[in-house]
């Protein structure tokens, strides 16, 4: 449980970061959608899945980078 809290919280380790939580929720949703398609026997477009995951991680990384300026000990 500590690993998950460390991933989803900011520098202080106590406050949940809305960007990190949003990234995790979006990734779980995308993976759940792929699993649902597989279970139903529908075709899966892995190229679209990869593009969606790349967009989620890219936008999330940008958001975390922008927010780093507002956190204590963040980059100037």
PDB file of N, CA and C in Angstrom:
ATOM      1  N   UNK A   1       0.816  -1.185   0.000  1.00  0.00           N
ATOM      2  CA  UNK A   1       0.000   0.000   0.000  1.00  0.00           C
ATOM      3  C   UNK A   1       0.867   1.258   0.000  1.00  0.00           C
ATOM      4  N   UNK A   2       2.048   1.193   0.653  1.00  0.00           N
ATOM      5  CA  UNK A   2       2.936   2.345   0.692  1.00  0.00           C
ATOM      6  C   UNK A   2       3.420   2.705  -0.715  1.00  0.00           C
ATOM      7  N   UNK A   3       3.663   1.706  -1.548  1.00  0.00           N
ATOM      8  CA  UNK A   3       4.115   1.965  -2.914  1.00  0.00           C
ATOM      9  C   UNK A   3       3.065   2.754  -3.680  1.00  0.00           C
ATOM     10  N   UNK A   4       1.817   2.369  -3.553  1.00  0.00           N
ATOM     11  CA  UNK A   4       0.743   3.077  -4.250  1.00  0.00           C
ATOM     12  C   UNK A   4       0.629   4.497  -3.720  1.00  0.00           C
ATOM     13  N   UNK A   5       0.717   4.687  -2.403  1.00  0.00           N
ATOM     14  CA  UNK A   5       0.646   6.034  -1.829  1.00  0.00           C
ATOM     15  C   UNK A   5       1.813   6.887  -2.313  1.00  0.00           C
ATOM     16  N   UNK A   6       3.012   6.303  -2.403  1.00  0.00           N
ATOM     17  CA  UNK A   6       4.174   7.044  -2.888  1.00  0.00           C
ATOM     18  C   UNK A   6       4.003   7.465  -4.346  1.00  0.00           C
ATOM     19  N   UNK A   7       3.366   6.625  -5.138  1.00  0.00           N
ATOM     20  CA  UNK A   7       3.149   6.947  -6.550  1.00  0.00           C
ATOM     21  C   UNK A   7       2.122   8.061  -6.707  1.00  0.00           C
ATOM     22  N   UNK A   8       1.089   8.052  -5.877  1.00  0.00           N
ATOM     23  CA  UNK A   8      -0.033   8.976  -6.059  1.00  0.00           C
ATOM     24  C   UNK A   8       0.069  10.269  -5.267  1.00  0.00           C
ATOM     25  N   UNK A   9       1.068  10.420  -4.409  1.00  0.00           N
ATOM     26  CA  UNK A   9       1.181  11.637  -3.605  1.00  0.00           C
ATOM     27  C   UNK A   9       2.304  12.528  -4.111  1.00  0.00           C
ATOM     28  N   UNK A  10       2.283  13.765  -3.647  1.00  0.00           N
ATOM     29  CA  UNK A  10       3.311  14.730  -4.018  1.00  0.00           C
ATOM     30  C   UNK A  10       4.575  14.550  -3.203  1.00  0.00           C
ATOM     31  N   UNK A  11       5.350  15.623  -3.106  1.00  0.00           N
ATOM     32  CA  UNK A  11       6.644  15.576  -2.432  1.00  0.00           C
ATOM     33  C   UNK A  11       6.512  15.244  -0.950  1.00  0.00           C
ATOM     34  N   UNK A  12       5.446  15.745  -0.308  1.00  0.00           N
ATOM     35  CA  UNK A  12       5.301  15.526   1.132  1.00  0.00           C
ATOM     36  C   UNK A  12       4.907  14.091   1.487  1.00  0.00           C
ATOM     37  N   UNK A  13       4.438  13.314   0.530  1.00  0.00           N
ATOM     38  CA  UNK A  13       4.082  11.921   0.776  1.00  0.00           C
ATOM     39  C   UNK A  13       2.747  11.724   1.469  1.00  0.00           C
ATOM     40  N   UNK A  14       2.015  12.801   1.718  1.00  0.00           N
ATOM     41  CA  UNK A  14       0.737  12.719   2.405  1.00  0.00           C
ATOM     42  C   UNK A  14      -0.422  13.215   1.540  1.00  0.00           C
ATOM     43  N   UNK A  15      -0.199  14.276   0.767  1.00  0.00           N
ATOM     44  CA  UNK A  15      -1.243  14.900  -0.029  1.00  0.00           C
ATOM     45  C   UNK A  15      -1.325  14.227  -1.391  1.00  0.00           C
ATOM     46  N   UNK A  16      -2.515  13.729  -1.724  1.00  0.00           N
ATOM     47  CA  UNK A  16      -2.693  13.096  -3.030  1.00  0.00           C
ATOM     48  C   UNK A  16      -2.695  14.162  -4.120  1.00  0.00           C
ATOM     49  N   UNK A  17      -1.952  13.887  -5.176  1.00  0.00           N
ATOM     50  CA  UNK A  17      -1.818  14.814  -6.300  1.00  0.00           C
ATOM     51  C   UNK A  17      -2.892  14.476  -7.328  1.00  0.00           C
ATOM     52  N   UNK A  18      -3.733  15.458  -7.657  1.00  0.00           N
ATOM     53  CA  UNK A  18      -4.838  15.184  -8.568  1.00  0.00           C
ATOM     54  C   UNK A  18      -4.364  14.759  -9.956  1.00  0.00           C
ATOM     55  N   UNK A  19      -3.220  15.219 -10.395  1.00  0.00           N
ATOM     56  CA  UNK A  19      -2.707  14.814 -11.710  1.00  0.00           C
ATOM     57  C   UNK A  19      -2.300  13.348 -11.685  1.00  0.00           C
ATOM     58  N   UNK A  20      -1.594  12.939 -10.664  1.00  0.00           N
ATOM     59  CA  UNK A  20      -1.150  11.545 -10.561  1.00  0.00           C
ATOM     60  C   UNK A  20      -2.328  10.590 -10.405  1.00  0.00           C
ATOM     61  N   UNK A  21      -3.317  10.995  -9.624  1.00  0.00           N
ATOM     62  CA  UNK A  21      -4.514  10.165  -9.457  1.00  0.00           C
ATOM     63  C   UNK A  21      -5.271  10.069 -10.782  1.00  0.00           C
ATOM     64  N   UNK A  22      -5.342  11.172 -11.512  1.00  0.00           N
ATOM     65  CA  UNK A  22      -6.009  11.164 -12.815  1.00  0.00           C
ATOM     66  C   UNK A  22      -5.311  10.259 -13.823  1.00  0.00           C
ATOM     67  N   UNK A  23      -3.987  10.293 -13.817  1.00  0.00           N
ATOM     68  CA  UNK A  23      -3.223   9.408 -14.714  1.00  0.00           C
ATOM     69  C   UNK A  23      -3.516   7.948 -14.372  1.00  0.00           C
ATOM     70  N   UNK A  24      -3.485   7.612 -13.096  1.00  0.00           N
ATOM     71  CA  UNK A  24      -3.739   6.238 -12.679  1.00  0.00           C
ATOM     72  C   UNK A  24      -5.150   5.798 -13.063  1.00  0.00           C
ATOM     73  N   UNK A  25      -6.129   6.663 -12.857  1.00  0.00           N
ATOM     74  CA  UNK A  25      -7.513   6.329 -13.207  1.00  0.00           C
ATOM     75  C   UNK A  25      -7.670   6.141 -14.716  1.00  0.00           C
ATOM     76  N   UNK A  26      -7.033   6.997 -15.493  1.00  0.00           N
ATOM     77  CA  UNK A  26      -7.129   6.885 -16.958  1.00  0.00           C
ATOM     78  C   UNK A  26      -6.467   5.600 -17.451  1.00  0.00           C
ATOM     79  N   UNK A  27      -5.325   5.242 -16.880  1.00  0.00           N
ATOM     80  CA  UNK A  27      -4.651   4.010 -17.295  1.00  0.00           C
ATOM     81  C   UNK A  27      -5.462   2.775 -16.907  1.00  0.00           C
ATOM     82  N   UNK A  28      -6.038   2.771 -15.714  1.00  0.00           N
ATOM     83  CA  UNK A  28      -6.871   1.646 -15.296  1.00  0.00           C
ATOM     84  C   UNK A  28      -8.088   1.523 -16.204  1.00  0.00           C
ATOM     85  N   UNK A  29      -8.678   2.657 -16.582  1.00  0.00           N
ATOM     86  CA  UNK A  29      -9.834   2.643 -17.479  1.00  0.00           C
ATOM     87  C   UNK A  29      -9.454   2.097 -18.855  1.00  0.00           C
ATOM     88  N   UNK A  30      -8.317   2.545 -19.395  1.00  0.00           N
ATOM     89  CA  UNK A  30      -7.883   2.073 -20.718  1.00  0.00           C
ATOM     90  C   UNK A  30      -7.583   0.576 -20.692  1.00  0.00           C
ATOM     91  N   UNK A  31      -6.908   0.115 -19.663  1.00  0.00           N
ATOM     92  CA  UNK A  31      -6.604  -1.315 -19.555  1.00  0.00           C
ATOM     93  C   UNK A  31      -7.885  -2.120 -19.364  1.00  0.00           C
ATOM     94  N   UNK A  32      -8.816  -1.595 -18.570  1.00  0.00           N
ATOM     95  CA  UNK A  32     -10.109  -2.261 -18.385  1.00  0.00           C
ATOM     96  C   UNK A  32     -10.897  -2.370 -19.684  1.00  0.00           C
ATOM     97  N   UNK A  33     -10.826  -1.333 -20.511  1.00  0.00           N
ATOM     98  CA  UNK A  33     -11.521  -1.367 -21.795  1.00  0.00           C
ATOM     99  C   UNK A  33     -10.936  -2.444 -22.711  1.00  0.00           C
ATOM    100  N   UNK A  34      -9.624  -2.581 -22.716  1.00  0.00           N
ATOM    101  CA  UNK A  34      -8.976  -3.615 -23.531  1.00  0.00           C
ATOM    102  C   UNK A  34      -9.349  -5.006 -23.023  1.00  0.00           C
ATOM    103  N   UNK A  35      -9.337  -5.195 -21.711  1.00  0.00           N
ATOM    104  CA  UNK A  35      -9.699  -6.501 -21.146  1.00  0.00           C
ATOM    105  C   UNK A  35     -11.147  -6.836 -21.480  1.00  0.00           C
ATOM    106  N   UNK A  36     -12.039  -5.841 -21.405  1.00  0.00           N
ATOM    107  CA  UNK A  36     -13.447  -6.061 -21.745  1.00  0.00           C
ATOM    108  C   UNK A  36     -13.599  -6.489 -23.202  1.00  0.00           C
ATOM    109  N   UNK A  37     -12.863  -5.839 -24.097  1.00  0.00           N
ATOM    110  CA  UNK A  37     -12.919  -6.233 -25.508  1.00  0.00           C
ATOM    111  C   UNK A  37     -12.417  -7.651 -25.708  1.00  0.00           C
ATOM    112  N   UNK A  38     -11.349  -8.013 -25.020  1.00  0.00           N
ATOM    113  CA  UNK A  38     -10.812  -9.368 -25.151  1.00  0.00           C
ATOM    114  C   UNK A  38     -11.798 -10.414 -24.634  1.00  0.00           C
ATOM    115  N   UNK A  39     -12.422 -10.129 -23.498  1.00  0.00           N
ATOM    116  CA  UNK A  39     -13.372 -11.075 -22.912  1.00  0.00           C
ATOM    117  C   UNK A  39     -14.584 -11.259 -23.829  1.00  0.00           C
ATOM    118  N   UNK A  40     -15.038 -10.179 -24.464  1.00  0.00           N
ATOM    119  CA  UNK A  40     -16.193 -10.253 -25.359  1.00  0.00           C
ATOM    120  C   UNK A  40     -15.840 -10.824 -26.724  1.00  0.00           C
ATOM    121  N   UNK A  41     -14.564 -11.044 -26.982  1.00  0.00           N
ATOM    122  CA  UNK A  41     -14.138 -11.604 -28.259  1.00  0.00           C
ATOM    123  C   UNK A  41     -14.102 -10.588 -29.380  1.00  0.00           C
ATOM    124  N   UNK A  42     -14.077  -9.311 -29.045  1.00  0.00           N
ATOM    125  CA  UNK A  42     -14.027  -8.262 -30.055  1.00  0.00           C
ATOM    126  C   UNK A  42     -12.583  -8.007 -30.462  1.00  0.00           C
ATOM    127  N   UNK A  43     -12.381  -7.497 -31.674  1.00  0.00           N
ATOM    128  CA  UNK A  43     -11.002  -7.206 -32.096  1.00  0.00           C
ATOM    129  C   UNK A  43     -10.425  -6.038 -31.283  1.00  0.00           C
ATOM    130  N   UNK A  44      -9.130  -6.108 -31.019  1.00  0.00           N
ATOM    131  CA  UNK A  44      -8.440  -5.092 -30.237  1.00  0.00           C
ATOM    132  C   UNK A  44      -7.441  -4.386 -31.145  1.00  0.00           C
ATOM    133  N   UNK A  45      -7.510  -3.062 -31.179  1.00  0.00           N
ATOM    134  CA  UNK A  45      -6.578  -2.256 -31.959  1.00  0.00           C
ATOM    135  C   UNK A  45      -5.446  -1.811 -31.035  1.00  0.00           C
ATOM    136  N   UNK A  46      -4.353  -2.545 -31.044  1.00  0.00           N
ATOM    137  CA  UNK A  46      -3.246  -2.247 -30.144  1.00  0.00           C
ATOM    138  C   UNK A  46      -2.543  -0.942 -30.496  1.00  0.00           C
ATOM    139  N   UNK A  47      -2.578  -0.541 -31.760  1.00  0.00           N
ATOM    140  CA  UNK A  47      -1.972   0.725 -32.145  1.00  0.00           C
ATOM    141  C   UNK A  47      -2.734   1.892 -31.518  1.00  0.00           C
ATOM    142  N   UNK A  48      -4.056   1.816 -31.532  1.00  0.00           N
ATOM    143  CA  UNK A  48      -4.863   2.861 -30.890  1.00  0.00           C
ATOM    144  C   UNK A  48      -4.669   2.836 -29.381  1.00  0.00           C
ATOM    145  N   UNK A  49      -4.577   1.651 -28.810  1.00  0.00           N
ATOM    146  CA  UNK A  49      -4.341   1.532 -27.366  1.00  0.00           C
ATOM    147  C   UNK A  49      -3.003   2.154 -26.992  1.00  0.00           C
ATOM    148  N   UNK A  50      -1.974   1.844 -27.760  1.00  0.00           N
ATOM    149  CA  UNK A  50      -0.644   2.403 -27.491  1.00  0.00           C
ATOM    150  C   UNK A  50      -0.634   3.915 -27.616  1.00  0.00           C
ATOM    151  N   UNK A  51      -1.331   4.432 -28.622  1.00  0.00           N
ATOM    152  CA  UNK A  51      -1.418   5.885 -28.782  1.00  0.00           C
ATOM    153  C   UNK A  51      -2.142   6.543 -27.624  1.00  0.00           C
ATOM    154  N   UNK A  52      -3.204   5.906 -27.156  1.00  0.00           N
ATOM    155  CA  UNK A  52      -3.956   6.455 -26.029  1.00  0.00           C
ATOM    156  C   UNK A  52      -3.113   6.458 -24.756  1.00  0.00           C
ATOM    157  N   UNK A  53      -2.402   5.381 -24.499  1.00  0.00           N
ATOM    158  CA  UNK A  53      -1.557   5.306 -23.308  1.00  0.00           C
ATOM    159  C   UNK A  53      -0.421   6.327 -23.405  1.00  0.00           C
ATOM    160  N   UNK A  54       0.158   6.482 -24.585  1.00  0.00           N
ATOM    161  CA  UNK A  54       1.223   7.476 -24.768  1.00  0.00           C
ATOM    162  C   UNK A  54       0.697   8.884 -24.527  1.00  0.00           C
ATOM    163  N   UNK A  55      -0.507   9.176 -24.996  1.00  0.00           N
ATOM    164  CA  UNK A  55      -1.094  10.497 -24.772  1.00  0.00           C
ATOM    165  C   UNK A  55      -1.369  10.737 -23.294  1.00  0.00           C
ATOM    166  N   UNK A  56      -1.876   9.719 -22.605  1.00  0.00           N
ATOM    167  CA  UNK A  56      -2.150   9.844 -21.168  1.00  0.00           C
ATOM    168  C   UNK A  56      -0.855  10.118 -20.406  1.00  0.00           C
ATOM    169  N   UNK A  57       0.180   9.338 -20.672  1.00  0.00           N
ATOM    170  CA  UNK A  57       1.440   9.501 -19.957  1.00  0.00           C
ATOM    171  C   UNK A  57       2.141  10.804 -20.328  1.00  0.00           C
ATOM    172  N   UNK A  58       2.072  11.196 -21.600  1.00  0.00           N
ATOM    173  CA  UNK A  58       2.693  12.453 -22.028  1.00  0.00           C
ATOM    174  C   UNK A  58       2.033  13.665 -21.395  1.00  0.00           C
ATOM    175  N   UNK A  59       0.706  13.700 -21.425  1.00  0.00           N
ATOM    176  CA  UNK A  59      -0.016  14.823 -20.816  1.00  0.00           C
ATOM    177  C   UNK A  59       0.177  14.829 -19.299  1.00  0.00           C
ATOM    178  N   UNK A  60       0.192  13.659 -18.699  1.00  0.00           N
ATOM    179  CA  UNK A  60       0.409  13.580 -17.253  1.00  0.00           C
ATOM    180  C   UNK A  60       1.800  14.045 -16.856  1.00  0.00           C
ATOM    181  N   UNK A  61       2.790  13.646 -17.623  1.00  0.00           N
ATOM    182  CA  UNK A  61       4.157  14.095 -17.358  1.00  0.00           C
ATOM    183  C   UNK A  61       4.300  15.599 -17.501  1.00  0.00           C
ATOM    184  N   UNK A  62       3.634  16.165 -18.501  1.00  0.00           N
ATOM    185  CA  UNK A  62       3.652  17.608 -18.677  1.00  0.00           C
ATOM    186  C   UNK A  62       2.999  18.297 -17.485  1.00  0.00           C
ATOM    187  N   UNK A  63       1.858  17.765 -17.045  1.00  0.00           N
ATOM    188  CA  UNK A  63       1.157  18.355 -15.904  1.00  0.00           C
ATOM    189  C   UNK A  63       1.973  18.289 -14.628  1.00  0.00           C
ATOM    190  N   UNK A  64       2.621  17.156 -14.397  1.00  0.00           N
ATOM    191  CA  UNK A  64       3.462  17.022 -13.206  1.00  0.00           C
ATOM    192  C   UNK A  64       4.645  17.979 -13.285  1.00  0.00           C
ATOM    193  N   UNK A  65       5.215  18.128 -14.474  1.00  0.00           N
ATOM    194  CA  UNK A  65       6.334  19.058 -14.651  1.00  0.00           C
ATOM    195  C   UNK A  65       5.928  20.497 -14.390  1.00  0.00           C
ATOM    196  N   UNK A  66       4.746  20.879 -14.841  1.00  0.00           N
ATOM    197  CA  UNK A  66       4.272  22.240 -14.606  1.00  0.00           C
ATOM    198  C   UNK A  66       3.961  22.477 -13.132  1.00  0.00           C
ATOM    199  N   UNK A  67       3.445  21.464 -12.475  1.00  0.00           N
ATOM    200  CA  UNK A  67       3.080  21.603 -11.062  1.00  0.00           C
ATOM    201  C   UNK A  67       4.309  21.584 -10.156  1.00  0.00           C
ATOM    202  N   UNK A  68       5.436  21.066 -10.632  1.00  0.00           N
ATOM    203  CA  UNK A  68       6.649  20.990  -9.810  1.00  0.00           C
ATOM    204  C   UNK A  68       7.108  22.366  -9.360  1.00  0.00           C
ATOM    205  N   UNK A  69       6.782  23.388 -10.131  1.00  0.00           N
ATOM    206  CA  UNK A  69       7.195  24.747  -9.772  1.00  0.00           C
ATOM    207  C   UNK A  69       6.448  25.263  -8.547  1.00  0.00           C
ATOM    208  N   UNK A  70       5.300  24.703  -8.227  1.00  0.00           N
ATOM    209  CA  UNK A  70       4.497  25.189  -7.115  1.00  0.00           C
ATOM    210  C   UNK A  70       4.728  24.416  -5.824  1.00  0.00           C
ATOM    211  N   UNK A  71       5.451  23.309  -5.889  1.00  0.00           N
ATOM    212  CA  UNK A  71       5.674  22.494  -4.701  1.00  0.00           C
ATOM    213  C   UNK A  71       6.952  22.915  -3.991  1.00  0.00           C
ATOM    214  N   UNK A  72       6.995  22.759  -2.663  1.00  0.00           N
ATOM    215  CA  UNK A  72       8.215  23.095  -1.932  1.00  0.00           C
ATOM    216  C   UNK A  72       9.372  22.214  -2.386  1.00  0.00           C
ATOM    217  N   UNK A  73      10.482  22.829  -2.673  1.00  0.00           N
ATOM    218  CA  UNK A  73      11.651  22.092  -3.134  1.00  0.00           C
ATOM    219  C   UNK A  73      11.606  21.755  -4.613  1.00  0.00           C
ATOM    220  N   UNK A  74      10.585  22.261  -5.324  1.00  0.00           N
ATOM    221  CA  UNK A  74      10.460  22.025  -6.762  1.00  0.00           C
ATOM    222  C   UNK A  74      11.445  22.881  -7.525  1.00  0.00           C
ATOM    223  N   UNK A  75      11.561  22.631  -8.813  1.00  0.00           N
ATOM    224  CA  UNK A  75      12.481  23.405  -9.645  1.00  0.00           C
ATOM    225  C   UNK A  75      12.002  24.851  -9.738  1.00  0.00           C
ATOM    226  N   UNK A  76      12.938  25.803  -9.825  1.00  0.00           N
ATOM    227  CA  UNK A  76      12.540  27.229  -9.923  1.00  0.00           C
ATOM    228  C   UNK A  76      11.911  27.570 -11.250  1.00  0.00           C
TER     229      UNK A  76
END
